[in-house]
Each structure stands twice: as C-alpha cells, then as structure tokens.
C-alpha cells in the first residue's frame, strides 16, 4: 500500500497515546517517528516533505523509499562501528 504522509488517518486512541500512532522511517538513521495526529503529520511534512510511504506489513511501520539510500549508508557506518568496537 503506497500513499503520502498527508493521507494518513488518525484515531482518537492515537491522539490520546502517541505510541499508538503510525511509525514512519526517518532519514540518515535507523530510527522511526511516531505520527499520531494531524499536527504531528504536519510537523513531519514540514521537516521531511510529504514523502511517499509504503506500509511494511511484516514490521507494521511505514517505509520511505526516498530515505532508503541515506538509511543504507547509515547502516554501513553503524555496522563498521560495531565491527570495530562491538555492540551492547
């Protein structure tokens, strides 16, 4: 399912508890941002644009194809660090 951040729908439950919102990948990191209201979607769009999102059915978050290259580069840097210093 492909759509844009501005197409997300929100429930009352999401607005009452941000952790129940939609998870969207961030650029240049392996983090995700919870978007749980029209206001939080507007802040996401202001920061990163009204990007295309694709629901990842396996993990239940939205992938952002436009961020794929920067996330992959981050992953390589993070792996090199873990290879050198280990991880927790």
PDB file of N, CA and C in Angstrom:
ATOM      1  N   UNK A   1       0.844  -1.182   0.000  1.00  0.00           N
ATOM      2  CA  UNK A   1       0.000   0.000   0.000  1.00  0.00           C
ATOM      3  C   UNK A   1       0.886   1.241   0.000  1.00  0.00           C
ATOM      4  N   UNK A   2       0.826   2.030  -1.046  1.00  0.00           N
ATOM      5  CA  UNK A   2       1.628   3.237  -1.181  1.00  0.00           C
ATOM      6  C   UNK A   2       0.736   4.463  -1.058  1.00  0.00           C
ATOM      7  N   UNK A   3       1.211   5.444  -0.286  1.00  0.00           N
ATOM      8  CA  UNK A   3       0.491   6.707  -0.141  1.00  0.00           C
ATOM      9  C   UNK A   3       1.461   7.759   0.367  1.00  0.00           C
ATOM     10  N   UNK A   4       0.957   8.927   0.706  1.00  0.00           N
ATOM     11  CA  UNK A   4       1.782  10.007   1.240  1.00  0.00           C
ATOM     12  C   UNK A   4       1.443  10.222   2.710  1.00  0.00           C
ATOM     13  N   UNK A   5       2.347  10.870   3.419  1.00  0.00           N
ATOM     14  CA  UNK A   5       2.133  11.143   4.843  1.00  0.00           C
ATOM     15  C   UNK A   5       0.819  11.895   5.043  1.00  0.00           C
ATOM     16  N   UNK A   6       0.502  12.804   4.154  1.00  0.00           N
ATOM     17  CA  UNK A   6      -0.727  13.605   4.290  1.00  0.00           C
ATOM     18  C   UNK A   6      -1.993  12.769   4.148  1.00  0.00           C
ATOM     19  N   UNK A   7      -1.884  11.531   3.669  1.00  0.00           N
ATOM     20  CA  UNK A   7      -3.049  10.650   3.522  1.00  0.00           C
ATOM     21  C   UNK A   7      -3.336   9.803   4.761  1.00  0.00           C
ATOM     22  N   UNK A   8      -2.462   9.858   5.759  1.00  0.00           N
ATOM     23  CA  UNK A   8      -2.662   9.049   6.962  1.00  0.00           C
ATOM     24  C   UNK A   8      -3.944   9.453   7.680  1.00  0.00           C
ATOM     25  N   UNK A   9      -4.602   8.478   8.248  1.00  0.00           N
ATOM     26  CA  UNK A   9      -5.813   8.698   9.053  1.00  0.00           C
ATOM     27  C   UNK A   9      -5.462   8.428  10.512  1.00  0.00           C
ATOM     28  N   UNK A  10      -6.133   9.139  11.415  1.00  0.00           N
ATOM     29  CA  UNK A  10      -5.826   9.032  12.836  1.00  0.00           C
ATOM     30  C   UNK A  10      -7.077   8.712  13.637  1.00  0.00           C
ATOM     31  N   UNK A  11      -6.886   7.933  14.694  1.00  0.00           N
ATOM     32  CA  UNK A  11      -7.982   7.578  15.584  1.00  0.00           C
ATOM     33  C   UNK A  11      -7.872   8.407  16.864  1.00  0.00           C
ATOM     34  N   UNK A  12      -8.938   8.428  17.621  1.00  0.00           N
ATOM     35  CA  UNK A  12      -8.917   9.104  18.920  1.00  0.00           C
ATOM     36  C   UNK A  12      -7.864   8.466  19.812  1.00  0.00           C
ATOM     37  N   UNK A  13      -7.765   7.148  19.763  1.00  0.00           N
ATOM     38  CA  UNK A  13      -6.775   6.426  20.563  1.00  0.00           C
ATOM     39  C   UNK A  13      -5.357   6.909  20.251  1.00  0.00           C
ATOM     40  N   UNK A  14      -5.070   7.147  18.985  1.00  0.00           N
ATOM     41  CA  UNK A  14      -3.746   7.627  18.587  1.00  0.00           C
ATOM     42  C   UNK A  14      -3.473   9.013  19.160  1.00  0.00           C
ATOM     43  N   UNK A  15      -4.462   9.893  19.110  1.00  0.00           N
ATOM     44  CA  UNK A  15      -4.248  11.256  19.615  1.00  0.00           C
ATOM     45  C   UNK A  15      -4.096  11.273  21.130  1.00  0.00           C
ATOM     46  N   UNK A  16      -4.628  10.275  21.806  1.00  0.00           N
ATOM     47  CA  UNK A  16      -4.514  10.186  23.261  1.00  0.00           C
ATOM     48  C   UNK A  16      -3.218   9.513  23.697  1.00  0.00           C
ATOM     49  N   UNK A  17      -2.632   8.706  22.826  1.00  0.00           N
ATOM     50  CA  UNK A  17      -1.388   7.997  23.148  1.00  0.00           C
ATOM     51  C   UNK A  17      -0.526   7.926  21.887  1.00  0.00           C
ATOM     52  N   UNK A  18       0.490   8.752  21.839  1.00  0.00           N
ATOM     53  CA  UNK A  18       1.342   8.835  20.640  1.00  0.00           C
ATOM     54  C   UNK A  18       1.937   7.486  20.248  1.00  0.00           C
ATOM     55  N   UNK A  19       2.188   6.603  21.229  1.00  0.00           N
ATOM     56  CA  UNK A  19       2.787   5.298  20.944  1.00  0.00           C
ATOM     57  C   UNK A  19       1.870   4.410  20.111  1.00  0.00           C
ATOM     58  N   UNK A  20       0.607   4.789  19.977  1.00  0.00           N
ATOM     59  CA  UNK A  20      -0.336   4.009  19.169  1.00  0.00           C
ATOM     60  C   UNK A  20      -0.462   4.564  17.755  1.00  0.00           C
ATOM     61  N   UNK A  21       0.338   5.577  17.448  1.00  0.00           N
ATOM     62  CA  UNK A  21       0.294   6.205  16.137  1.00  0.00           C
ATOM     63  C   UNK A  21       1.025   5.401  15.074  1.00  0.00           C
ATOM     64  N   UNK A  22       1.120   5.974  13.901  1.00  0.00           N
ATOM     65  CA  UNK A  22       1.826   5.360  12.773  1.00  0.00           C
ATOM     66  C   UNK A  22       3.329   5.564  12.965  1.00  0.00           C
ATOM     67  N   UNK A  23       4.112   4.522  12.692  1.00  0.00           N
ATOM     68  CA  UNK A  23       5.572   4.634  12.744  1.00  0.00           C
ATOM     69  C   UNK A  23       6.090   4.828  11.326  1.00  0.00           C
ATOM     70  N   UNK A  24       6.917   5.864  11.152  1.00  0.00           N
ATOM     71  CA  UNK A  24       7.462   6.195   9.833  1.00  0.00           C
ATOM     72  C   UNK A  24       8.979   6.276   9.931  1.00  0.00           C
ATOM     73  N   UNK A  25       9.665   5.644   8.978  1.00  0.00           N
ATOM     74  CA  UNK A  25      11.122   5.689   8.942  1.00  0.00           C
ATOM     75  C   UNK A  25      11.627   7.124   8.833  1.00  0.00           C
ATOM     76  N   UNK A  26      12.793   7.342   9.430  1.00  0.00           N
ATOM     77  CA  UNK A  26      13.462   8.640   9.369  1.00  0.00           C
ATOM     78  C   UNK A  26      14.673   8.529   8.434  1.00  0.00           C
ATOM     79  N   UNK A  27      15.119   9.644   7.881  1.00  0.00           N
ATOM     80  CA  UNK A  27      16.323   9.605   7.042  1.00  0.00           C
ATOM     81  C   UNK A  27      17.588   9.602   7.896  1.00  0.00           C
ATOM     82  N   UNK A  28      18.659   9.064   7.352  1.00  0.00           N
ATOM     83  CA  UNK A  28      20.004   9.108   7.929  1.00  0.00           C
ATOM     84  C   UNK A  28      20.109   8.468   9.304  1.00  0.00           C
ATOM     85  N   UNK A  29      19.220   7.545   9.635  1.00  0.00           N
ATOM     86  CA  UNK A  29      19.247   6.835  10.913  1.00  0.00           C
ATOM     87  C   UNK A  29      18.409   5.574  10.776  1.00  0.00           C
ATOM     88  N   UNK A  30      18.429   4.739  11.803  1.00  0.00           N
ATOM     89  CA  UNK A  30      17.559   3.571  11.794  1.00  0.00           C
ATOM     90  C   UNK A  30      16.333   3.807  12.686  1.00  0.00           C
ATOM     91  N   UNK A  31      16.134   5.048  13.107  1.00  0.00           N
ATOM     92  CA  UNK A  31      15.001   5.400  13.973  1.00  0.00           C
ATOM     93  C   UNK A  31      13.712   5.554  13.166  1.00  0.00           C
ATOM     94  N   UNK A  32      12.615   5.522  13.901  1.00  0.00           N
ATOM     95  CA  UNK A  32      11.297   5.781  13.324  1.00  0.00           C
ATOM     96  C   UNK A  32      10.627   6.872  14.156  1.00  0.00           C
ATOM     97  N   UNK A  33       9.736   7.617  13.538  1.00  0.00           N
ATOM     98  CA  UNK A  33       8.986   8.642  14.254  1.00  0.00           C
ATOM     99  C   UNK A  33       7.530   8.223  14.335  1.00  0.00           C
ATOM    100  N   UNK A  34       6.952   8.401  15.518  1.00  0.00           N
ATOM    101  CA  UNK A  34       5.522   8.159  15.681  1.00  0.00           C
ATOM    102  C   UNK A  34       4.765   9.392  15.218  1.00  0.00           C
ATOM    103  N   UNK A  35       3.833   9.184  14.326  1.00  0.00           N
ATOM    104  CA  UNK A  35       2.957  10.250  13.828  1.00  0.00           C
ATOM    105  C   UNK A  35       1.549   9.834  14.239  1.00  0.00           C
ATOM    106  N   UNK A  36       0.972  10.603  15.174  1.00  0.00           N
ATOM    107  CA  UNK A  36      -0.277  10.161  15.791  1.00  0.00           C
ATOM    108  C   UNK A  36      -1.427  11.155  15.688  1.00  0.00           C
ATOM    109  N   UNK A  37      -1.208  12.245  14.957  1.00  0.00           N
ATOM    110  CA  UNK A  37      -2.266  13.251  14.811  1.00  0.00           C
ATOM    111  C   UNK A  37      -2.004  14.071  13.558  1.00  0.00           C
ATOM    112  N   UNK A  38      -2.988  14.856  13.187  1.00  0.00           N
ATOM    113  CA  UNK A  38      -2.827  15.755  12.033  1.00  0.00           C
ATOM    114  C   UNK A  38      -1.676  16.718  12.302  1.00  0.00           C
ATOM    115  N   UNK A  39      -1.560  17.177  13.531  1.00  0.00           N
ATOM    116  CA  UNK A  39      -0.492  18.120  13.885  1.00  0.00           C
ATOM    117  C   UNK A  39       0.893  17.474  13.770  1.00  0.00           C
ATOM    118  N   UNK A  40       1.024  16.237  14.268  1.00  0.00           N
ATOM    119  CA  UNK A  40       2.334  15.586  14.175  1.00  0.00           C
ATOM    120  C   UNK A  40       2.665  15.235  12.725  1.00  0.00           C
ATOM    121  N   UNK A  41       1.663  14.930  11.922  1.00  0.00           N
ATOM    122  CA  UNK A  41       1.893  14.700  10.491  1.00  0.00           C
ATOM    123  C   UNK A  41       2.374  15.985   9.822  1.00  0.00           C
ATOM    124  N   UNK A  42       1.773  17.108  10.200  1.00  0.00           N
ATOM    125  CA  UNK A  42       2.180  18.396   9.628  1.00  0.00           C
ATOM    126  C   UNK A  42       3.622  18.716   9.996  1.00  0.00           C
ATOM    127  N   UNK A  43       4.028  18.402  11.217  1.00  0.00           N
ATOM    128  CA  UNK A  43       5.424  18.637  11.629  1.00  0.00           C
ATOM    129  C   UNK A  43       6.377  17.726  10.855  1.00  0.00           C
ATOM    130  N   UNK A  44       5.978  16.470  10.643  1.00  0.00           N
ATOM    131  CA  UNK A  44       6.797  15.554   9.855  1.00  0.00           C
ATOM    132  C   UNK A  44       6.952  16.104   8.433  1.00  0.00           C
ATOM    133  N   UNK A  45       5.850  16.513   7.834  1.00  0.00           N
ATOM    134  CA  UNK A  45       5.870  17.041   6.464  1.00  0.00           C
ATOM    135  C   UNK A  45       6.719  18.310   6.390  1.00  0.00           C
ATOM    136  N   UNK A  46       6.620  19.158   7.404  1.00  0.00           N
ATOM    137  CA  UNK A  46       7.426  20.382   7.428  1.00  0.00           C
ATOM    138  C   UNK A  46       8.915  20.056   7.447  1.00  0.00           C
ATOM    139  N   UNK A  47       9.280  19.008   8.178  1.00  0.00           N
ATOM    140  CA  UNK A  47      10.692  18.640   8.288  1.00  0.00           C
ATOM    141  C   UNK A  47      11.221  17.849   7.095  1.00  0.00           C
ATOM    142  N   UNK A  48      10.402  16.938   6.552  1.00  0.00           N
ATOM    143  CA  UNK A  48      10.911  15.999   5.556  1.00  0.00           C
ATOM    144  C   UNK A  48      10.145  15.988   4.240  1.00  0.00           C
ATOM    145  N   UNK A  49       9.080  16.765   4.150  1.00  0.00           N
ATOM    146  CA  UNK A  49       8.258  16.778   2.947  1.00  0.00           C
ATOM    147  C   UNK A  49       7.130  15.760   3.037  1.00  0.00           C
ATOM    148  N   UNK A  50       6.191  15.896   2.149  1.00  0.00           N
ATOM    149  CA  UNK A  50       5.056  14.968   2.090  1.00  0.00           C
ATOM    150  C   UNK A  50       5.487  13.769   1.247  1.00  0.00           C
ATOM    151  N   UNK A  51       6.375  12.978   1.832  1.00  0.00           N
ATOM    152  CA  UNK A  51       7.014  11.872   1.115  1.00  0.00           C
ATOM    153  C   UNK A  51       6.068  10.697   0.930  1.00  0.00           C
ATOM    154  N   UNK A  52       6.383   9.899  -0.077  1.00  0.00           N
ATOM    155  CA  UNK A  52       5.651   8.661  -0.320  1.00  0.00           C
ATOM    156  C   UNK A  52       6.029   7.664   0.766  1.00  0.00           C
ATOM    157  N   UNK A  53       5.033   6.962   1.302  1.00  0.00           N
ATOM    158  CA  UNK A  53       5.261   5.947   2.324  1.00  0.00           C
ATOM    159  C   UNK A  53       4.649   4.633   1.870  1.00  0.00           C
ATOM    160  N   UNK A  54       5.279   3.537   2.288  1.00  0.00           N
ATOM    161  CA  UNK A  54       4.818   2.201   1.915  1.00  0.00           C
ATOM    162  C   UNK A  54       4.702   1.376   3.190  1.00  0.00           C
ATOM    163  N   UNK A  55       3.527   0.813   3.434  1.00  0.00           N
ATOM    164  CA  UNK A  55       3.322   0.009   4.632  1.00  0.00           C
ATOM    165  C   UNK A  55       4.144  -1.272   4.555  1.00  0.00           C
ATOM    166  N   UNK A  56       4.969  -1.492   5.562  1.00  0.00           N
ATOM    167  CA  UNK A  56       5.729  -2.731   5.697  1.00  0.00           C
ATOM    168  C   UNK A  56       4.881  -3.661   6.561  1.00  0.00           C
ATOM    169  N   UNK A  57       4.184  -4.579   5.923  1.00  0.00           N
ATOM    170  CA  UNK A  57       3.243  -5.463   6.613  1.00  0.00           C
ATOM    171  C   UNK A  57       3.946  -6.335   7.658  1.00  0.00           C
ATOM    172  N   UNK A  58       5.171  -6.738   7.387  1.00  0.00           N
ATOM    173  CA  UNK A  58       5.886  -7.626   8.306  1.00  0.00           C
ATOM    174  C   UNK A  58       6.175  -6.934   9.635  1.00  0.00           C
ATOM    175  N   UNK A  59       6.630  -5.676   9.593  1.00  0.00           N
ATOM    176  CA  UNK A  59       7.031  -4.984  10.810  1.00  0.00           C
ATOM    177  C   UNK A  59       6.030  -3.926  11.270  1.00  0.00           C
ATOM    178  N   UNK A  60       5.031  -3.625  10.461  1.00  0.00           N
ATOM    179  CA  UNK A  60       3.973  -2.715  10.865  1.00  0.00           C
ATOM    180  C   UNK A  60       4.337  -1.246  10.903  1.00  0.00           C
ATOM    181  N   UNK A  61       5.353  -0.862  10.151  1.00  0.00           N
ATOM    182  CA  UNK A  61       5.706   0.556  10.067  1.00  0.00           C
ATOM    183  C   UNK A  61       5.651   0.989   8.603  1.00  0.00           C
ATOM    184  N   UNK A  62       5.815   2.283   8.377  1.00  0.00           N
ATOM    185  CA  UNK A  62       5.848   2.796   7.017  1.00  0.00           C
ATOM    186  C   UNK A  62       7.290   3.049   6.591  1.00  0.00           C
ATOM    187  N   UNK A  63       7.684   2.424   5.503  1.00  0.00           N
ATOM    188  CA  UNK A  63       8.988   2.661   4.894  1.00  0.00           C
ATOM    189  C   UNK A  63       8.870   3.881   3.988  1.00  0.00           C
ATOM    190  N   UNK A  64       9.976   4.591   3.839  1.00  0.00           N
ATOM    191  CA  UNK A  64      10.016   5.778   2.980  1.00  0.00           C
ATOM    192  C   UNK A  64      11.076   5.529   1.910  1.00  0.00           C
ATOM    193  N   UNK A  65      10.651   5.173   0.697  1.00  0.00           N
ATOM    194  CA  UNK A  65      11.625   4.886  -0.361  1.00  0.00           C
ATOM    195  C   UNK A  65      12.637   6.012  -0.583  1.00  0.00           C
ATOM    196  N   UNK A  66      12.219   7.261  -0.433  1.00  0.00           N
ATOM    197  CA  UNK A  66      13.127   8.394  -0.646  1.00  0.00           C
ATOM    198  C   UNK A  66      14.264   8.422   0.376  1.00  0.00           C
ATOM    199  N   UNK A  67      14.076   7.768   1.524  1.00  0.00           N
ATOM    200  CA  UNK A  67      15.103   7.751   2.566  1.00  0.00           C
ATOM    201  C   UNK A  67      15.982   6.509   2.495  1.00  0.00           C
ATOM    202  N   UNK A  68      15.701   5.598   1.590  1.00  0.00           N
ATOM    203  CA  UNK A  68      16.386   4.305   1.551  1.00  0.00           C
ATOM    204  C   UNK A  68      17.903   4.443   1.426  1.00  0.00           C
ATOM    205  N   UNK A  69      18.366   5.308   0.552  1.00  0.00           N
ATOM    206  CA  UNK A  69      19.806   5.440   0.329  1.00  0.00           C
ATOM    207  C   UNK A  69      20.516   5.963   1.576  1.00  0.00           C
ATOM    208  N   UNK A  70      19.954   6.991   2.225  1.00  0.00           N
ATOM    209  CA  UNK A  70      20.615   7.542   3.411  1.00  0.00           C
ATOM    210  C   UNK A  70      20.547   6.563   4.579  1.00  0.00           C
ATOM    211  N   UNK A  71      19.475   5.781   4.673  1.00  0.00           N
ATOM    212  CA  UNK A  71      19.368   4.775   5.734  1.00  0.00           C
ATOM    213  C   UNK A  71      20.372   3.647   5.499  1.00  0.00           C
ATOM    214  N   UNK A  72      20.564   3.266   4.245  1.00  0.00           N
ATOM    215  CA  UNK A  72      21.536   2.226   3.919  1.00  0.00           C
ATOM    216  C   UNK A  72      22.951   2.693   4.259  1.00  0.00           C
ATOM    217  N   UNK A  73      23.264   3.932   3.929  1.00  0.00           N
ATOM    218  CA  UNK A  73      24.581   4.485   4.252  1.00  0.00           C
ATOM    219  C   UNK A  73      24.791   4.511   5.768  1.00  0.00           C
ATOM    220  N   UNK A  74      23.772   4.927   6.513  1.00  0.00           N
ATOM    221  CA  UNK A  74      23.844   4.920   7.974  1.00  0.00           C
ATOM    222  C   UNK A  74      24.105   3.499   8.481  1.00  0.00           C
ATOM    223  N   UNK A  75      23.406   2.521   7.914  1.00  0.00           N
ATOM    224  CA  UNK A  75      23.582   1.136   8.318  1.00  0.00           C
ATOM    225  C   UNK A  75      25.010   0.657   8.123  1.00  0.00           C
ATOM    226  N   UNK A  76      25.635   1.053   7.021  1.00  0.00           N
ATOM    227  CA  UNK A  76      27.023   0.661   6.758  1.00  0.00           C
ATOM    228  C   UNK A  76      27.965   1.269   7.797  1.00  0.00           C
ATOM    229  N   UNK A  77      27.757   2.548   8.116  1.00  0.00           N
ATOM    230  CA  UNK A  77      28.595   3.217   9.116  1.00  0.00           C
ATOM    231  C   UNK A  77      28.391   2.569  10.487  1.00  0.00           C
ATOM    232  N   UNK A  78      27.150   2.293  10.828  1.00  0.00           N
ATOM    233  CA  UNK A  78      26.851   1.665  12.116  1.00  0.00           C
ATOM    234  C   UNK A  78      27.469   0.266  12.193  1.00  0.00           C
ATOM    235  N   UNK A  79      27.388  -0.504  11.106  1.00  0.00           N
ATOM    236  CA  UNK A  79      27.978  -1.842  11.085  1.00  0.00           C
ATOM    237  C   UNK A  79      29.486  -1.774  11.232  1.00  0.00           C
ATOM    238  N   UNK A  80      30.127  -0.812  10.562  1.00  0.00           N
ATOM    239  CA  UNK A  80      31.581  -0.664  10.683  1.00  0.00           C
ATOM    240  C   UNK A  80      31.968  -0.349  12.120  1.00  0.00           C
ATOM    241  N   UNK A  81      31.189   0.481  12.783  1.00  0.00           N
ATOM    242  CA  UNK A  81      31.439   0.815  14.191  1.00  0.00           C
ATOM    243  C   UNK A  81      31.301  -0.444  15.063  1.00  0.00           C
ATOM    244  N   UNK A  82      30.228  -1.193  14.837  1.00  0.00           N
ATOM    245  CA  UNK A  82      30.015  -2.421  15.613  1.00  0.00           C
ATOM    246  C   UNK A  82      31.113  -3.440  15.355  1.00  0.00           C
ATOM    247  N   UNK A  83      31.580  -3.532  14.109  1.00  0.00           N
ATOM    248  CA  UNK A  83      32.664  -4.448  13.777  1.00  0.00           C
ATOM    249  C   UNK A  83      33.940  -4.064  14.536  1.00  0.00           C
ATOM    250  N   UNK A  84      34.172  -2.756  14.685  1.00  0.00           N
ATOM    251  CA  UNK A  84      35.379  -2.274  15.339  1.00  0.00           C
ATOM    252  C   UNK A  84      35.269  -2.333  16.855  1.00  0.00           C
ATOM    253  N   UNK A  85      34.120  -1.899  17.400  1.00  0.00           N
ATOM    254  CA  UNK A  85      34.005  -1.733  18.856  1.00  0.00           C
ATOM    255  C   UNK A  85      33.026  -2.705  19.514  1.00  0.00           C
ATOM    256  N   UNK A  86      32.286  -3.458  18.721  1.00  0.00           N
ATOM    257  CA  UNK A  86      31.265  -4.341  19.285  1.00  0.00           C
ATOM    258  C   UNK A  86      29.969  -3.578  19.521  1.00  0.00           C
ATOM    259  N   UNK A  87      28.975  -4.292  20.018  1.00  0.00           N
ATOM    260  CA  UNK A  87      27.699  -3.653  20.321  1.00  0.00           C
ATOM    261  C   UNK A  87      27.212  -4.151  21.663  1.00  0.00           C
ATOM    262  N   UNK A  88      26.230  -3.459  22.196  1.00  0.00           N
ATOM    263  CA  UNK A  88      25.723  -3.843  23.524  1.00  0.00           C
ATOM    264  C   UNK A  88      24.893  -5.069  23.448  1.00  0.00           C
TER     265      UNK A  88
END
